[in-house]
Every structure is written in structure tokens, then in C-alpha cells.
N, C-alpha and C. Protein backbone atom coordinates (compact mmCIF):
# COMPACT_ATOMS: atom_id res chain seq x y z
N MET A 1 1.47 49.12 -0.16
CA MET A 1 1.29 48.50 1.23
C MET A 1 -0.37 48.13 1.15
N LYS A 2 -1.02 49.23 0.64
CA LYS A 2 -2.56 48.95 0.70
C LYS A 2 -3.06 47.90 -0.22
N THR A 3 -2.27 47.72 -1.25
CA THR A 3 -2.72 46.62 -2.34
C THR A 3 -2.30 45.35 -1.61
N CYS A 4 -1.40 45.15 -0.81
CA CYS A 4 -0.91 44.03 -0.05
C CYS A 4 -1.94 43.52 0.81
N LEU A 5 -2.47 44.60 1.59
CA LEU A 5 -3.35 44.46 2.50
C LEU A 5 -4.79 43.98 2.00
N ASN A 6 -5.07 44.62 1.00
CA ASN A 6 -6.41 44.18 0.17
C ASN A 6 -6.25 42.73 -0.19
N ALA A 7 -5.11 42.40 -0.78
CA ALA A 7 -4.90 41.15 -1.20
C ALA A 7 -5.09 40.09 -0.05
N LEU A 8 -4.55 40.39 1.14
CA LEU A 8 -4.55 39.54 2.19
C LEU A 8 -5.86 39.41 2.83
N VAL A 9 -6.64 40.46 2.75
CA VAL A 9 -7.98 40.34 3.19
C VAL A 9 -8.86 39.56 2.18
N PHE A 10 -8.71 39.72 0.89
CA PHE A 10 -9.39 39.00 -0.11
C PHE A 10 -9.18 37.46 0.14
N PHE A 11 -7.64 37.23 0.28
CA PHE A 11 -7.36 35.75 0.51
C PHE A 11 -8.05 35.21 1.75
N LEU A 12 -8.07 35.86 2.82
CA LEU A 12 -8.71 35.35 4.22
C LEU A 12 -10.15 35.21 3.94
N ALA A 13 -11.02 36.07 3.08
CA ALA A 13 -12.28 35.96 2.84
C ALA A 13 -12.49 34.76 2.02
N PHE A 14 -11.53 34.64 0.97
CA PHE A 14 -11.67 33.26 0.21
C PHE A 14 -11.67 32.02 0.90
N LEU A 15 -10.64 31.94 1.93
CA LEU A 15 -10.54 30.79 2.79
C LEU A 15 -11.79 30.58 3.60
N ILE A 16 -12.31 31.53 4.31
CA ILE A 16 -13.59 31.44 5.02
C ILE A 16 -14.75 30.89 4.17
N PHE A 17 -14.87 31.59 2.96
CA PHE A 17 -15.99 31.21 1.83
C PHE A 17 -15.74 29.64 1.48
N MET A 18 -14.54 29.23 1.32
CA MET A 18 -14.34 27.89 0.82
C MET A 18 -14.50 26.93 1.85
N GLY A 19 -14.28 27.19 3.05
CA GLY A 19 -14.32 26.23 4.26
C GLY A 19 -12.93 25.80 4.38
N CYS A 20 -12.19 26.23 5.32
CA CYS A 20 -10.77 25.90 5.36
C CYS A 20 -10.29 24.53 5.36
N THR A 21 -11.28 23.72 5.95
CA THR A 21 -10.86 22.16 5.74
C THR A 21 -10.66 21.57 4.50
N ASN A 22 -11.54 22.10 3.43
CA ASN A 22 -11.38 21.58 2.12
C ASN A 22 -9.89 22.05 1.61
N LEU A 23 -9.29 22.76 2.21
CA LEU A 23 -7.95 23.33 1.50
C LEU A 23 -6.83 22.46 2.17
N LEU A 24 -7.08 21.54 3.04
CA LEU A 24 -5.98 20.58 3.55
C LEU A 24 -5.64 19.69 2.65
N PRO A 25 -4.25 19.28 2.47
CA PRO A 25 -3.75 18.46 1.53
C PRO A 25 -4.29 17.02 1.67
N SER A 26 -4.53 16.20 0.62
CA SER A 26 -4.79 14.81 0.69
C SER A 26 -4.07 14.07 -0.35
N THR A 27 -3.87 12.62 -0.08
CA THR A 27 -3.25 11.95 -1.03
C THR A 27 -4.02 10.48 -1.18
N LYS A 28 -4.11 10.19 -2.37
CA LYS A 28 -4.83 8.90 -2.66
C LYS A 28 -3.84 7.88 -3.57
N VAL A 29 -3.48 6.83 -2.86
CA VAL A 29 -2.59 5.91 -3.63
C VAL A 29 -3.52 4.65 -4.05
N THR A 30 -3.75 4.54 -5.47
CA THR A 30 -4.51 3.41 -5.87
C THR A 30 -3.72 2.68 -6.90
N VAL A 31 -3.67 1.37 -6.72
CA VAL A 31 -3.15 0.54 -7.69
C VAL A 31 -4.27 -0.07 -8.59
N LYS A 32 -4.34 0.22 -9.84
CA LYS A 32 -5.42 -0.12 -10.77
C LYS A 32 -5.50 -1.66 -10.64
N SER A 33 -6.69 -2.20 -10.23
CA SER A 33 -6.99 -3.50 -10.30
C SER A 33 -8.59 -3.82 -10.64
N PRO A 34 -8.86 -5.08 -10.99
CA PRO A 34 -10.27 -5.28 -11.29
C PRO A 34 -11.02 -5.49 -10.03
N TRP A 35 -10.41 -5.34 -8.78
CA TRP A 35 -11.19 -5.51 -7.50
C TRP A 35 -11.43 -4.14 -6.90
N LYS A 36 -12.61 -4.04 -6.33
CA LYS A 36 -12.94 -2.74 -5.68
C LYS A 36 -12.67 -2.83 -4.13
N ASP A 37 -12.54 -3.97 -3.58
CA ASP A 37 -12.07 -4.05 -1.99
C ASP A 37 -11.47 -5.33 -1.90
N PHE A 38 -11.04 -5.54 -0.73
CA PHE A 38 -10.42 -6.86 -0.17
C PHE A 38 -11.35 -7.97 -0.43
N ASP A 39 -12.52 -7.99 -0.04
CA ASP A 39 -13.36 -9.05 -0.09
C ASP A 39 -13.65 -9.59 -1.66
N ASP A 40 -13.61 -8.52 -2.49
CA ASP A 40 -13.82 -8.76 -3.94
C ASP A 40 -12.56 -9.46 -4.43
N ALA A 41 -11.40 -9.16 -4.04
CA ALA A 41 -10.25 -9.84 -4.48
C ALA A 41 -10.08 -11.18 -3.92
N LYS A 42 -10.57 -11.31 -2.61
CA LYS A 42 -10.42 -12.54 -1.97
C LYS A 42 -11.43 -13.73 -2.55
N LEU A 43 -12.61 -13.16 -2.94
CA LEU A 43 -13.62 -13.93 -3.60
C LEU A 43 -13.03 -14.65 -4.98
N ASP A 44 -12.50 -13.78 -5.88
CA ASP A 44 -11.86 -14.24 -7.03
C ASP A 44 -10.74 -15.23 -6.74
N TYR A 45 -9.80 -14.76 -5.77
CA TYR A 45 -8.79 -15.58 -5.49
C TYR A 45 -9.08 -17.03 -4.99
N GLU A 46 -10.11 -17.10 -4.18
CA GLU A 46 -10.62 -18.45 -3.81
C GLU A 46 -11.18 -19.31 -4.86
N LYS A 47 -11.49 -18.81 -6.07
CA LYS A 47 -11.96 -19.63 -7.22
C LYS A 47 -10.80 -20.25 -7.75
N ILE A 48 -9.54 -19.97 -7.39
CA ILE A 48 -8.52 -20.57 -8.02
C ILE A 48 -8.25 -22.04 -7.32
N ASN A 49 -8.32 -23.22 -8.10
CA ASN A 49 -8.20 -24.73 -7.65
C ASN A 49 -6.88 -25.16 -8.18
N PRO A 50 -6.00 -25.51 -7.16
CA PRO A 50 -4.71 -26.15 -7.61
C PRO A 50 -5.03 -27.50 -8.14
N GLY A 51 -4.33 -27.73 -9.38
CA GLY A 51 -4.49 -29.03 -10.13
C GLY A 51 -5.67 -28.71 -11.32
N ILE A 52 -6.40 -27.79 -11.19
CA ILE A 52 -7.60 -27.62 -12.14
C ILE A 52 -7.32 -26.20 -12.87
N THR A 53 -7.24 -25.24 -12.18
CA THR A 53 -7.26 -23.93 -12.76
C THR A 53 -6.03 -23.74 -13.70
N THR A 54 -6.46 -23.27 -14.89
CA THR A 54 -5.26 -23.15 -15.86
C THR A 54 -4.92 -21.47 -15.93
N VAL A 55 -3.90 -21.12 -16.70
CA VAL A 55 -3.52 -19.84 -16.72
C VAL A 55 -4.64 -18.89 -17.51
N ALA A 56 -5.25 -19.50 -18.55
CA ALA A 56 -6.35 -18.75 -19.15
C ALA A 56 -7.35 -18.46 -18.27
N GLU A 57 -7.68 -19.32 -17.29
CA GLU A 57 -8.75 -19.13 -16.31
C GLU A 57 -8.31 -18.08 -15.28
N LEU A 58 -7.02 -18.21 -14.93
CA LEU A 58 -6.49 -16.99 -14.16
C LEU A 58 -6.64 -15.53 -14.73
N THR A 59 -6.53 -15.62 -15.98
CA THR A 59 -6.66 -14.38 -16.66
C THR A 59 -8.09 -13.69 -16.65
N LYS A 60 -8.95 -14.69 -16.86
CA LYS A 60 -10.44 -14.30 -16.66
C LYS A 60 -10.76 -13.78 -15.32
N LEU A 61 -10.16 -14.38 -14.28
CA LEU A 61 -10.29 -13.96 -12.97
C LEU A 61 -9.61 -12.59 -12.53
N GLY A 62 -8.70 -12.21 -13.46
CA GLY A 62 -7.93 -10.90 -13.16
C GLY A 62 -6.56 -11.01 -12.79
N PHE A 63 -6.10 -12.35 -12.47
CA PHE A 63 -4.80 -12.58 -12.18
C PHE A 63 -3.73 -12.71 -13.33
N ASN A 64 -3.65 -11.56 -14.06
CA ASN A 64 -2.69 -11.60 -15.26
C ASN A 64 -1.54 -10.54 -15.04
N PRO A 65 -0.39 -10.87 -14.78
CA PRO A 65 0.59 -9.83 -14.47
C PRO A 65 0.86 -8.83 -15.65
N TYR A 66 0.40 -9.25 -16.85
CA TYR A 66 0.70 -8.38 -18.07
C TYR A 66 -0.40 -7.33 -18.06
N GLN A 67 -1.50 -7.67 -17.64
CA GLN A 67 -2.72 -6.73 -17.65
C GLN A 67 -3.06 -5.93 -16.36
N VAL A 68 -2.69 -6.57 -15.19
CA VAL A 68 -3.11 -6.10 -13.86
C VAL A 68 -1.79 -5.84 -13.18
N PRO A 69 -1.56 -4.43 -12.68
CA PRO A 69 -0.41 -4.24 -11.95
C PRO A 69 -0.38 -4.81 -10.48
N ASN A 70 0.91 -4.90 -10.00
CA ASN A 70 1.18 -5.35 -8.62
C ASN A 70 0.92 -6.86 -8.55
N ILE A 71 1.17 -7.41 -9.67
CA ILE A 71 1.36 -9.05 -9.62
C ILE A 71 2.73 -9.40 -10.15
N ARG A 72 3.52 -9.91 -9.21
CA ARG A 72 5.06 -10.13 -9.45
C ARG A 72 5.01 -11.48 -10.05
N ILE A 73 5.86 -11.73 -11.13
CA ILE A 73 6.35 -12.91 -11.67
C ILE A 73 7.47 -13.55 -11.02
N MET A 74 7.32 -14.66 -10.36
CA MET A 74 8.53 -15.28 -9.79
C MET A 74 8.98 -16.50 -10.47
N ASN A 75 10.13 -16.93 -10.29
CA ASN A 75 10.78 -18.17 -10.91
C ASN A 75 10.94 -19.10 -9.76
N ALA A 76 11.52 -20.39 -10.05
CA ALA A 76 11.69 -21.44 -9.05
C ALA A 76 12.55 -20.98 -7.97
N THR A 77 13.64 -20.22 -8.21
CA THR A 77 14.57 -19.78 -7.29
C THR A 77 13.86 -18.80 -6.26
N ASP A 78 13.02 -17.98 -6.69
CA ASP A 78 12.22 -17.01 -5.94
C ASP A 78 11.34 -17.94 -4.90
N ILE A 79 10.64 -18.96 -5.50
CA ILE A 79 9.92 -19.68 -4.69
C ILE A 79 10.73 -20.53 -3.68
N ILE A 80 11.84 -21.10 -3.90
CA ILE A 80 12.75 -21.72 -3.08
C ILE A 80 13.13 -20.76 -1.91
N ASN A 81 13.41 -19.41 -2.14
CA ASN A 81 13.85 -18.43 -1.25
C ASN A 81 12.64 -18.10 -0.28
N ILE A 82 11.43 -18.15 -0.71
CA ILE A 82 10.21 -17.94 -0.03
C ILE A 82 9.87 -19.06 0.99
N PHE A 83 9.87 -20.37 0.48
CA PHE A 83 9.42 -21.30 1.19
C PHE A 83 10.63 -22.14 1.91
N MET A 84 11.76 -22.00 1.51
CA MET A 84 13.01 -22.63 2.14
C MET A 84 13.97 -21.70 2.40
N PRO A 85 13.78 -20.74 3.46
CA PRO A 85 14.51 -19.59 3.83
C PRO A 85 15.80 -20.20 4.53
N ASN A 86 15.82 -21.42 4.94
CA ASN A 86 17.05 -21.86 5.65
C ASN A 86 17.34 -23.37 5.37
N PRO A 87 18.55 -23.85 5.62
CA PRO A 87 18.79 -25.30 5.27
C PRO A 87 18.01 -26.43 6.14
N SER A 88 17.29 -25.86 7.24
CA SER A 88 16.55 -26.96 7.97
C SER A 88 15.26 -27.31 7.31
N ILE A 89 14.75 -26.58 6.47
CA ILE A 89 13.51 -26.91 5.76
C ILE A 89 13.87 -27.61 4.53
N ARG A 90 13.45 -28.89 4.54
CA ARG A 90 13.57 -29.74 3.24
C ARG A 90 12.34 -29.78 2.42
N VAL A 91 12.61 -30.03 0.97
CA VAL A 91 11.55 -30.01 0.16
C VAL A 91 10.43 -30.96 0.45
N GLU A 92 10.81 -32.21 1.21
CA GLU A 92 9.62 -33.01 1.48
C GLU A 92 8.68 -32.49 2.36
N MET A 93 9.17 -31.49 3.24
CA MET A 93 8.32 -30.90 4.26
C MET A 93 7.30 -29.85 3.57
N LEU A 94 7.42 -29.56 2.41
CA LEU A 94 6.64 -28.53 1.65
C LEU A 94 5.24 -29.22 1.13
N ASP A 95 4.31 -28.27 0.91
CA ASP A 95 3.11 -28.72 0.16
C ASP A 95 3.40 -29.42 -1.19
N PRO A 96 2.75 -30.52 -1.54
CA PRO A 96 2.98 -31.23 -2.73
C PRO A 96 3.10 -30.28 -4.07
N GLY A 97 2.20 -29.18 -4.03
CA GLY A 97 2.35 -28.19 -5.24
C GLY A 97 3.49 -27.43 -5.33
N ILE A 98 4.01 -27.11 -4.09
CA ILE A 98 5.23 -26.37 -4.13
C ILE A 98 6.46 -27.18 -4.46
N GLN A 99 6.47 -28.44 -4.00
CA GLN A 99 7.29 -29.48 -4.34
C GLN A 99 7.44 -29.57 -5.83
N LYS A 100 6.41 -29.81 -6.53
CA LYS A 100 6.17 -30.04 -7.90
C LYS A 100 6.78 -28.75 -8.66
N CYS A 101 6.68 -27.59 -8.22
CA CYS A 101 7.10 -26.42 -8.73
C CYS A 101 8.60 -26.30 -8.68
N ILE A 102 9.14 -26.55 -7.52
CA ILE A 102 10.53 -26.67 -7.34
C ILE A 102 11.14 -27.70 -8.20
N GLU A 103 10.74 -28.79 -8.18
CA GLU A 103 11.25 -29.88 -9.08
C GLU A 103 11.14 -29.66 -10.58
N SER A 104 10.21 -28.84 -10.98
CA SER A 104 10.03 -28.53 -12.43
C SER A 104 10.83 -27.39 -12.91
N LYS A 105 11.55 -26.83 -12.03
CA LYS A 105 12.57 -25.85 -12.37
C LYS A 105 12.08 -24.75 -13.34
N ASP A 106 12.57 -24.74 -14.56
CA ASP A 106 12.21 -23.82 -15.60
C ASP A 106 10.79 -23.81 -15.97
N ARG A 107 10.09 -24.79 -15.74
CA ARG A 107 8.57 -24.92 -16.06
C ARG A 107 7.69 -24.23 -14.96
N CYS A 108 8.42 -23.86 -13.84
CA CYS A 108 7.73 -23.31 -12.81
C CYS A 108 7.67 -21.93 -12.72
N THR A 109 6.46 -21.36 -12.43
CA THR A 109 6.33 -19.80 -12.32
C THR A 109 5.41 -19.54 -11.14
N GLY A 110 5.72 -18.43 -10.50
CA GLY A 110 4.75 -18.02 -9.37
C GLY A 110 4.37 -16.59 -9.53
N PHE A 111 3.16 -16.26 -8.95
CA PHE A 111 2.67 -14.95 -9.13
C PHE A 111 2.35 -14.59 -7.59
N LYS A 112 3.06 -13.46 -7.28
CA LYS A 112 2.87 -12.79 -6.02
C LYS A 112 1.92 -11.61 -6.24
N ILE A 113 0.59 -11.71 -5.58
CA ILE A 113 -0.36 -10.88 -5.88
C ILE A 113 -0.63 -9.95 -4.71
N GLU A 114 -0.47 -8.51 -5.04
CA GLU A 114 -0.44 -7.56 -3.98
C GLU A 114 -1.29 -6.20 -4.39
N PRO A 115 -2.62 -6.32 -4.76
CA PRO A 115 -3.31 -5.16 -4.93
C PRO A 115 -3.53 -4.39 -3.66
N THR A 116 -3.65 -2.97 -3.87
CA THR A 116 -3.83 -2.23 -2.62
C THR A 116 -4.48 -0.90 -2.88
N LEU A 117 -5.11 -0.30 -1.99
CA LEU A 117 -5.88 1.05 -2.18
C LEU A 117 -5.47 1.70 -0.63
N GLN A 118 -4.90 2.89 -0.81
CA GLN A 118 -4.77 3.78 0.52
C GLN A 118 -5.06 5.20 0.05
N ASP A 119 -5.73 5.91 0.99
CA ASP A 119 -6.25 7.23 0.97
C ASP A 119 -5.79 7.89 2.13
N SER A 120 -4.92 8.87 1.93
CA SER A 120 -4.51 9.68 3.28
C SER A 120 -5.09 11.17 3.02
N LYS A 121 -5.68 11.54 4.14
CA LYS A 121 -6.36 12.90 4.26
C LYS A 121 -5.85 13.47 5.49
N ARG A 122 -5.65 14.80 5.39
CA ARG A 122 -5.37 15.60 6.63
C ARG A 122 -6.79 16.13 7.19
N ILE A 123 -6.85 16.02 8.42
CA ILE A 123 -8.00 16.47 9.05
C ILE A 123 -7.73 17.69 10.10
N GLY A 124 -8.72 18.34 10.70
CA GLY A 124 -8.44 19.12 11.75
C GLY A 124 -8.62 20.67 11.35
N GLY A 125 -7.89 21.40 12.04
CA GLY A 125 -7.92 23.02 11.83
C GLY A 125 -6.92 23.30 10.76
N PHE A 126 -7.40 24.10 9.86
CA PHE A 126 -6.73 24.69 8.71
C PHE A 126 -5.42 25.50 9.18
N TRP A 127 -5.70 26.44 10.11
CA TRP A 127 -4.66 27.27 10.55
C TRP A 127 -3.51 26.53 11.26
N ALA A 128 -3.97 25.65 12.08
CA ALA A 128 -2.90 24.91 12.89
C ALA A 128 -2.12 24.00 11.91
N ASP A 129 -2.71 23.48 10.96
CA ASP A 129 -2.13 22.62 9.94
C ASP A 129 -1.02 23.50 9.10
N LEU A 130 -1.62 24.59 8.63
CA LEU A 130 -0.87 25.56 7.77
C LEU A 130 0.49 25.96 8.40
N PHE A 131 0.44 26.36 9.55
CA PHE A 131 1.68 26.76 10.26
C PHE A 131 2.39 25.73 11.03
N GLY A 132 1.96 24.41 10.92
CA GLY A 132 2.67 23.42 11.47
C GLY A 132 2.51 23.08 12.99
N PHE A 133 1.56 23.77 13.57
CA PHE A 133 1.32 23.44 15.06
C PHE A 133 0.88 22.10 15.33
N LYS A 134 -0.20 21.70 14.52
CA LYS A 134 -0.63 20.45 14.51
C LYS A 134 -1.22 19.73 13.30
N ARG A 135 -0.58 18.67 12.99
CA ARG A 135 -1.07 18.01 11.70
C ARG A 135 -1.65 16.57 11.95
N ASP A 136 -2.79 16.46 11.47
CA ASP A 136 -3.63 15.17 11.89
C ASP A 136 -3.86 14.50 10.47
N THR A 137 -3.19 13.28 10.17
CA THR A 137 -3.29 12.57 8.87
C THR A 137 -4.17 11.34 9.22
N VAL A 138 -5.18 10.98 8.47
CA VAL A 138 -5.77 9.71 8.62
C VAL A 138 -5.58 8.93 7.32
N THR A 139 -5.18 7.73 7.30
CA THR A 139 -5.12 6.86 6.24
C THR A 139 -5.98 5.65 6.21
N SER A 140 -6.75 5.53 5.32
CA SER A 140 -7.65 4.33 5.31
C SER A 140 -7.53 3.68 3.77
N GLY A 141 -8.03 2.39 3.64
CA GLY A 141 -7.91 1.72 2.63
C GLY A 141 -7.96 0.14 2.83
N TRP A 142 -7.29 -0.57 2.01
CA TRP A 142 -7.14 -2.16 2.10
C TRP A 142 -5.92 -2.48 1.38
N GLU A 143 -5.36 -3.80 1.57
CA GLU A 143 -4.38 -4.41 0.79
C GLU A 143 -4.65 -5.92 0.94
N PHE A 144 -4.34 -6.60 -0.22
CA PHE A 144 -4.59 -8.04 -0.49
C PHE A 144 -3.21 -8.62 -0.81
N ARG A 145 -2.97 -9.84 -0.15
CA ARG A 145 -1.72 -10.58 -0.29
C ARG A 145 -2.14 -12.09 -0.73
N GLY A 146 -1.59 -12.61 -1.94
CA GLY A 146 -1.73 -13.94 -2.35
C GLY A 146 -0.49 -14.47 -3.13
N LEU A 147 -0.37 -15.78 -3.19
CA LEU A 147 0.75 -16.25 -3.90
C LEU A 147 0.29 -17.59 -4.55
N ILE A 148 0.54 -17.79 -5.72
CA ILE A 148 0.26 -19.01 -6.43
C ILE A 148 1.48 -19.50 -7.26
N THR A 149 1.58 -20.84 -7.57
CA THR A 149 2.60 -21.43 -8.37
C THR A 149 1.93 -22.14 -9.46
N ILE A 150 2.61 -22.04 -10.58
CA ILE A 150 2.22 -22.62 -11.87
C ILE A 150 3.18 -23.56 -12.49
N VAL A 151 2.80 -24.71 -12.96
CA VAL A 151 3.66 -25.51 -13.73
C VAL A 151 2.85 -26.05 -15.09
N ASP A 152 3.42 -25.86 -16.13
CA ASP A 152 2.90 -26.20 -17.45
C ASP A 152 1.53 -25.79 -17.58
N ASN A 153 1.19 -24.39 -17.25
CA ASN A 153 -0.03 -23.60 -17.50
C ASN A 153 -1.09 -24.11 -16.58
N VAL A 154 -0.89 -24.92 -15.45
CA VAL A 154 -1.81 -25.26 -14.48
C VAL A 154 -1.20 -24.94 -13.07
N VAL A 155 -2.17 -24.34 -12.31
CA VAL A 155 -1.93 -23.93 -10.93
C VAL A 155 -1.67 -25.19 -10.05
N THR A 156 -0.46 -25.16 -9.39
CA THR A 156 -0.08 -26.28 -8.46
C THR A 156 -0.25 -25.92 -7.03
N TYR A 157 -0.36 -24.59 -6.66
CA TYR A 157 -0.44 -24.25 -5.34
C TYR A 157 -1.04 -22.96 -5.17
N ARG A 158 -1.88 -22.78 -4.12
CA ARG A 158 -2.49 -21.41 -3.88
C ARG A 158 -2.24 -21.15 -2.33
N ASP A 159 -1.62 -20.17 -2.04
CA ASP A 159 -1.44 -19.70 -0.67
C ASP A 159 -2.77 -19.20 -0.08
N PRO A 160 -2.92 -19.47 1.29
CA PRO A 160 -4.22 -18.93 1.84
C PRO A 160 -4.16 -17.31 1.75
N ALA A 161 -5.27 -16.70 1.45
CA ALA A 161 -5.34 -15.42 1.27
C ALA A 161 -4.97 -14.56 2.47
N GLY A 162 -4.16 -13.50 2.37
CA GLY A 162 -3.78 -12.58 3.32
C GLY A 162 -3.91 -11.11 3.08
N GLY A 163 -3.51 -10.42 3.94
CA GLY A 163 -3.56 -8.96 3.87
C GLY A 163 -4.31 -8.24 4.88
N ARG A 164 -4.64 -6.99 4.57
CA ARG A 164 -5.48 -6.20 5.58
C ARG A 164 -6.75 -5.76 4.99
N PRO A 165 -7.97 -6.34 5.34
CA PRO A 165 -9.19 -6.06 4.80
C PRO A 165 -9.47 -4.51 5.06
N SER A 166 -9.11 -3.93 6.12
CA SER A 166 -9.37 -2.59 6.50
C SER A 166 -8.28 -1.90 7.06
N ILE A 167 -7.76 -0.85 6.34
CA ILE A 167 -6.58 -0.16 7.01
C ILE A 167 -7.15 1.21 7.41
N ARG A 168 -6.93 1.54 8.66
CA ARG A 168 -7.24 2.80 9.30
C ARG A 168 -6.33 3.18 10.33
N THR A 169 -5.40 4.18 9.95
CA THR A 169 -4.39 4.73 10.86
C THR A 169 -4.58 6.30 11.08
N GLU A 170 -4.21 6.82 12.13
CA GLU A 170 -4.22 8.14 12.36
C GLU A 170 -2.87 8.63 12.88
N GLU A 171 -2.14 9.52 12.23
CA GLU A 171 -0.93 10.02 12.63
C GLU A 171 -1.16 11.61 13.02
N ILE A 172 -0.76 11.94 14.30
CA ILE A 172 -0.85 13.15 14.81
C ILE A 172 0.42 13.81 15.07
N GLN A 173 0.80 14.92 14.43
CA GLN A 173 2.14 15.60 14.64
C GLN A 173 1.93 16.81 15.20
N LYS A 174 2.41 17.08 16.42
CA LYS A 174 2.17 18.33 17.25
C LYS A 174 3.65 19.05 17.32
N LYS A 175 3.61 20.33 17.10
CA LYS A 175 4.79 21.04 17.35
C LYS A 175 4.17 22.40 18.02
N PRO A 176 4.45 22.40 19.33
CA PRO A 176 3.83 23.62 20.06
C PRO A 176 4.35 24.95 19.58
N LEU A 177 5.48 25.06 19.06
CA LEU A 177 6.10 26.27 18.57
C LEU A 177 5.89 26.54 17.13
N GLY A 178 5.19 25.59 16.57
CA GLY A 178 4.84 25.70 15.15
C GLY A 178 6.04 25.73 14.19
N PRO A 179 6.12 26.82 13.30
CA PRO A 179 7.34 26.79 12.43
C PRO A 179 8.68 27.19 13.03
N LEU A 180 8.61 27.62 14.39
CA LEU A 180 9.86 27.77 15.07
C LEU A 180 10.44 26.55 15.69
N GLN A 181 9.64 25.52 15.55
CA GLN A 181 10.09 24.18 16.23
C GLN A 181 11.40 23.64 15.59
N ASP A 182 11.55 23.83 14.27
CA ASP A 182 12.59 23.43 13.53
C ASP A 182 13.72 24.27 13.22
N ILE A 183 13.77 25.40 14.11
CA ILE A 183 14.68 26.60 13.89
C ILE A 183 16.03 26.20 14.23
N GLY A 184 16.08 25.14 15.08
CA GLY A 184 17.48 24.70 15.60
C GLY A 184 18.44 24.37 14.52
N GLY A 185 17.86 23.85 13.46
CA GLY A 185 18.69 23.40 12.35
C GLY A 185 19.14 24.64 11.48
N ILE A 186 18.47 25.65 11.61
CA ILE A 186 18.70 26.94 10.85
C ILE A 186 19.80 27.75 11.60
N ILE A 187 19.61 28.04 12.89
CA ILE A 187 20.52 28.93 13.61
C ILE A 187 21.62 28.07 14.26
N PRO A 188 22.88 28.36 13.99
CA PRO A 188 24.06 27.51 14.49
C PRO A 188 24.03 27.59 15.96
N GLY A 189 24.32 26.67 16.71
CA GLY A 189 24.45 26.41 18.11
C GLY A 189 23.13 26.38 18.78
N LEU A 190 22.04 26.33 18.16
CA LEU A 190 20.76 26.35 18.79
C LEU A 190 20.17 24.91 18.56
N THR A 191 20.15 24.03 19.45
CA THR A 191 19.54 22.81 19.38
C THR A 191 18.07 22.78 19.68
N PRO A 192 17.44 21.67 18.89
CA PRO A 192 15.91 21.57 19.08
C PRO A 192 15.53 21.35 20.54
N SER A 193 16.40 20.62 21.31
CA SER A 193 16.06 20.58 22.78
C SER A 193 15.80 21.78 23.51
N LEU A 194 16.60 22.88 23.14
CA LEU A 194 16.25 24.18 23.72
C LEU A 194 14.81 24.82 23.52
N LEU A 195 14.33 24.33 22.43
CA LEU A 195 12.92 24.83 22.03
C LEU A 195 11.86 23.97 22.52
N ARG A 196 12.07 22.84 23.23
CA ARG A 196 11.11 21.98 23.56
C ARG A 196 10.93 22.18 25.14
């Protein structure tokens, strides 16, 4: 018993020494890309000129799906599904670059570009978080969205840049009874509403 008590005291002293907030979990989701932020990706994306930019130039700018993750290769059918989601939209209504892509069929390729970075951190009190009374998670980062079409190794269309230049969300989860809040699922006949 004394050994357990000593271990507990040592553990508590360690937590105080380390600074409890450093022990809260965190998650970082990064998709490797040549761009450090949204503006960097947008700057390179806007260098793409329909009718002029070639596939070799796209590779130099970092838009190569074989080298950079989160660039999806699409075919003419994918392009049709995006730009003509229902029969009321006719080919003649679309941008000439998209028309050329759809009419080229097998010679048409599209790149859907979606690099992103998200960092989630738990903040607040260590003890409240550990025992589930209050968990405060802050997520920050950025995401970029773009779409281009290519026919015969030349870009025919570039969608306007989109995405979220700055992501900042905060999720606060409170459980006044802490670990007892979810006890309703463990004890038969006890519903969570009785604990609230």
C-alpha cells in the first residue's frame, strides 16, 4: 500500500513539475505539399494560364498528382458530373475550356487540388480534461481548393481559387458528472437523462 501511495505522490509531483497543460493530447493533420499556407498555394495556382500552361509547367509549380498528395486525377465523366449535375445544364452554357475538355473525351484530364493543414490542440485544465468534466479543443490551419482541366498536355480551364485561408474552431465538451455522465450505458435501466 505504501509503495502505491509513494508512486501516486511521485506521479502527482511529476505532473506539477512538467506543467499539466503540456500533458494534454494534441493532433496535427498535415498533407505534405510544396505550399506552406493558403496564400502560397493560391499564388502558384494563379500562375496557371488556360491555353498556355503545359503539364510540364504544372509540375514545376507543384501541381503533379504523382508527386504531391491530395491532387485527384479526374476523367471527362468526372468533369461532366461536376459541371453538369442535372440535364437542365447544357454543354453550350459552360466555359469554353470545359467544353473543349468534355468534347475531347479520352484526351481530357482534370486535377482536383486539395492541400490542407489542420492542427488540433486540447487546452484548459488538465484535471478537468483527464476526468472528462470539460474538454476544450481548438483546431487551426488552412485548406485550399482548385480545379483545372487539361487537353493534350495544355490547361484548358482553371477554376477560381477556393478554400479556407484560415481555420479556427473551438469545441467545448462539458460533462458536469465527469466519468459518471456515461454510466447510463453501463448500468441497465439507468438512462443518461437521469444523470443530467
